Amino acid sequence: MLERFGLMFRYELWANRRTLAAIEAAEDRGPTVRLFAHIVAAQEAWLTRLRGADSSAIAIWPARTLEECKAALEGMNAEIEAYLAGLEEASLSIPVTYSNQTGRSFSHTPLDILTHLGLHSQHHRGQVALQLRQLGQEPAVTDFIAYLREK
């Protein structure tokens, strides 16, 4: 399972970098930067929770520039890789209790949280692609199979 999460997050890095490049290349970016900033901020919040720390100070919809998004993305990728490298298979099923940004308490396993991370980003990358198309721009191809074909 850990090997699969490693593959998933290498794909995640690839897809996020391609999405970022498409936003950078767009003449009209519309609200895409805000969505991309949310993708990275959500990763920050979830990784903080997985580590057992308080994520309440992390703005889930931060106002970031594209350059700030790029820097935050690269930082998060390194942190996620480090987290996964230190994770043991048995710990995937041990619940993590955390509070969300509104103070509500929840408990989920790292398996569930890591799965959510990938699905959440994919959802918002799809929104970015739609917005770019609506603005007459070309979105990035971020399909998982396209990643596997490029590897």
Protein backbone atom coordinates (compact mmCIF):
# COMPACT_ATOMS: atom_id res chain seq x y z
CA MET A 1 0.00 0.00 0.00
CA LEU A 2 2.83 2.42 0.80
CA GLU A 3 4.31 1.79 -2.63
CA ARG A 4 0.97 2.69 -4.21
CA PHE A 5 0.76 5.93 -2.21
CA GLY A 6 4.28 6.75 -3.36
CA LEU A 7 3.15 6.31 -6.97
CA MET A 8 0.01 8.35 -6.32
CA PHE A 9 1.98 11.26 -4.89
CA ARG A 10 4.58 11.19 -7.64
CA TYR A 11 1.61 11.48 -10.01
CA GLU A 12 0.20 14.26 -7.81
CA LEU A 13 3.46 16.21 -8.09
CA TRP A 14 3.53 15.74 -11.87
CA ALA A 15 -0.13 16.77 -12.28
CA ASN A 16 0.21 19.81 -10.03
CA ARG A 17 3.34 20.98 -11.84
CA ARG A 18 1.58 20.61 -15.20
CA THR A 19 -1.45 22.49 -13.91
CA LEU A 20 0.75 25.24 -12.56
CA ALA A 21 2.54 25.51 -15.93
CA ALA A 22 -0.82 25.80 -17.73
CA ILE A 23 -1.89 28.59 -15.37
CA GLU A 24 1.44 30.36 -15.87
CA ALA A 25 1.05 30.15 -19.65
CA ALA A 26 -2.50 31.51 -19.64
CA GLU A 27 -3.04 35.08 -20.78
CA ASP A 28 -6.18 35.28 -18.67
CA ARG A 29 -5.95 33.31 -15.43
CA GLY A 30 -9.33 34.19 -13.96
CA PRO A 31 -9.86 32.48 -10.60
CA THR A 32 -7.45 29.60 -11.33
CA VAL A 33 -4.69 30.87 -9.03
CA ARG A 34 -7.10 30.92 -6.10
CA LEU A 35 -8.11 27.31 -6.78
CA PHE A 36 -4.50 26.22 -7.10
CA ALA A 37 -3.61 27.99 -3.85
CA HIS A 38 -6.42 26.00 -2.23
CA ILE A 39 -4.99 22.70 -3.50
CA VAL A 40 -1.64 23.42 -1.86
CA ALA A 41 -3.16 24.83 1.35
CA ALA A 42 -5.35 21.74 1.76
CA GLN A 43 -2.26 19.56 1.42
CA GLU A 44 -0.58 21.64 4.12
CA ALA A 45 -3.57 21.27 6.45
CA TRP A 46 -3.92 17.54 5.94
CA LEU A 47 -0.22 16.82 6.35
CA THR A 48 -0.20 18.90 9.54
CA ARG A 49 -3.12 16.83 10.85
CA LEU A 50 -1.44 13.57 9.87
CA ARG A 51 1.56 14.63 11.93
CA GLY A 52 -0.69 15.20 14.94
CA ALA A 53 -0.34 18.98 14.94
CA ASP A 54 -2.93 21.76 14.98
CA SER A 55 -3.90 22.93 11.48
CA SER A 56 -6.34 25.64 12.56
CA ALA A 57 -3.95 28.49 11.66
CA ILE A 58 -3.66 27.32 8.04
CA ALA A 59 -5.90 29.32 5.73
CA ILE A 60 -7.66 26.83 3.46
CA TRP A 61 -8.40 29.49 0.80
CA PRO A 62 -5.28 31.67 1.04
CA ALA A 63 -4.64 34.70 -1.13
CA ARG A 64 -1.38 33.67 -2.81
CA THR A 65 0.37 34.77 -5.94
CA LEU A 66 1.30 32.20 -8.53
CA GLU A 67 4.95 32.42 -7.41
CA GLU A 68 3.89 31.82 -3.79
CA CYS A 69 1.84 28.82 -4.95
CA LYS A 70 4.84 27.43 -6.81
CA ALA A 71 7.12 27.77 -3.78
CA ALA A 72 4.50 26.29 -1.43
CA LEU A 73 3.90 23.40 -3.84
CA GLU A 74 7.56 22.44 -3.97
CA GLY A 75 7.83 22.69 -0.20
CA MET A 76 4.74 20.52 0.29
CA ASN A 77 5.97 17.90 -2.14
CA ALA A 78 9.18 17.50 -0.15
CA GLU A 79 7.23 17.27 3.11
CA ILE A 80 4.78 14.70 1.73
CA GLU A 81 7.67 12.59 0.42
CA ALA A 82 9.36 12.76 3.84
CA TYR A 83 6.11 11.83 5.58
CA LEU A 84 5.55 8.84 3.28
CA ALA A 85 9.18 7.71 3.68
CA GLY A 86 8.73 7.57 7.45
CA LEU A 87 5.35 5.84 7.34
CA GLU A 88 4.94 2.16 8.15
CA GLU A 89 2.26 -0.02 6.60
CA ALA A 90 0.73 -0.85 10.01
CA SER A 91 0.25 2.83 10.84
CA LEU A 92 -2.05 3.34 7.85
CA SER A 93 -4.97 1.95 9.85
CA ILE A 94 -4.37 3.79 13.15
CA PRO A 95 -6.94 6.61 13.44
CA VAL A 96 -5.73 10.20 13.62
CA THR A 97 -7.94 12.59 15.60
CA TYR A 98 -7.86 16.19 14.42
CA SER A 99 -9.91 19.37 14.36
CA ASN A 100 -10.81 21.14 11.15
CA GLN A 101 -10.63 24.90 10.55
CA THR A 102 -13.99 25.45 12.28
CA GLY A 103 -12.94 23.50 15.38
CA ARG A 104 -14.97 20.32 14.71
CA SER A 105 -13.20 17.16 15.78
CA PHE A 106 -12.92 14.11 13.51
CA SER A 107 -11.01 10.85 13.41
CA HIS A 108 -9.81 9.14 10.22
CA THR A 109 -7.02 6.78 9.32
CA PRO A 110 -3.96 7.90 7.35
CA LEU A 111 -5.20 5.54 4.60
CA ASP A 112 -8.41 7.57 4.32
CA ILE A 113 -6.68 10.93 4.60
CA LEU A 114 -4.02 10.14 2.00
CA THR A 115 -6.70 8.84 -0.36
CA HIS A 116 -8.69 12.03 0.19
CA LEU A 117 -5.63 14.18 -0.56
CA GLY A 118 -5.23 12.74 -4.04
CA LEU A 119 -8.94 12.84 -4.84
CA HIS A 120 -9.32 16.38 -3.51
CA SER A 121 -6.51 17.72 -5.68
CA GLN A 122 -7.85 15.91 -8.74
CA HIS A 123 -11.25 17.51 -8.22
CA HIS A 124 -9.82 21.01 -8.08
CA ARG A 125 -7.41 20.44 -10.97
CA GLY A 126 -10.51 19.57 -13.00
CA GLN A 127 -12.06 22.89 -11.97
CA VAL A 128 -8.88 24.72 -13.03
CA ALA A 129 -8.98 22.95 -16.41
CA LEU A 130 -12.62 23.93 -16.92
CA GLN A 131 -11.95 27.54 -15.99
CA LEU A 132 -8.98 27.75 -18.33
CA ARG A 133 -11.09 26.34 -21.18
CA GLN A 134 -13.88 28.82 -20.43
CA LEU A 135 -11.28 31.60 -20.65
CA GLY A 136 -10.13 30.31 -24.05
CA GLN A 137 -6.88 28.89 -22.64
CA GLU A 138 -5.38 25.43 -22.95
CA PRO A 139 -5.48 23.35 -19.73
CA ALA A 140 -2.88 20.74 -18.86
CA VAL A 141 -3.45 17.07 -19.49
CA THR A 142 -3.30 15.56 -16.00
CA ASP A 143 -4.81 12.11 -16.47
CA PHE A 144 -3.13 9.39 -14.43
CA ILE A 145 -2.69 7.24 -17.53
CA ALA A 146 -0.88 10.13 -19.27
CA TYR A 147 1.50 10.22 -16.31
CA LEU A 148 2.17 6.50 -16.60
CA ARG A 149 2.79 6.85 -20.34
CA GLU A 150 5.39 9.58 -19.69
CA LYS A 151 7.23 7.76 -16.90
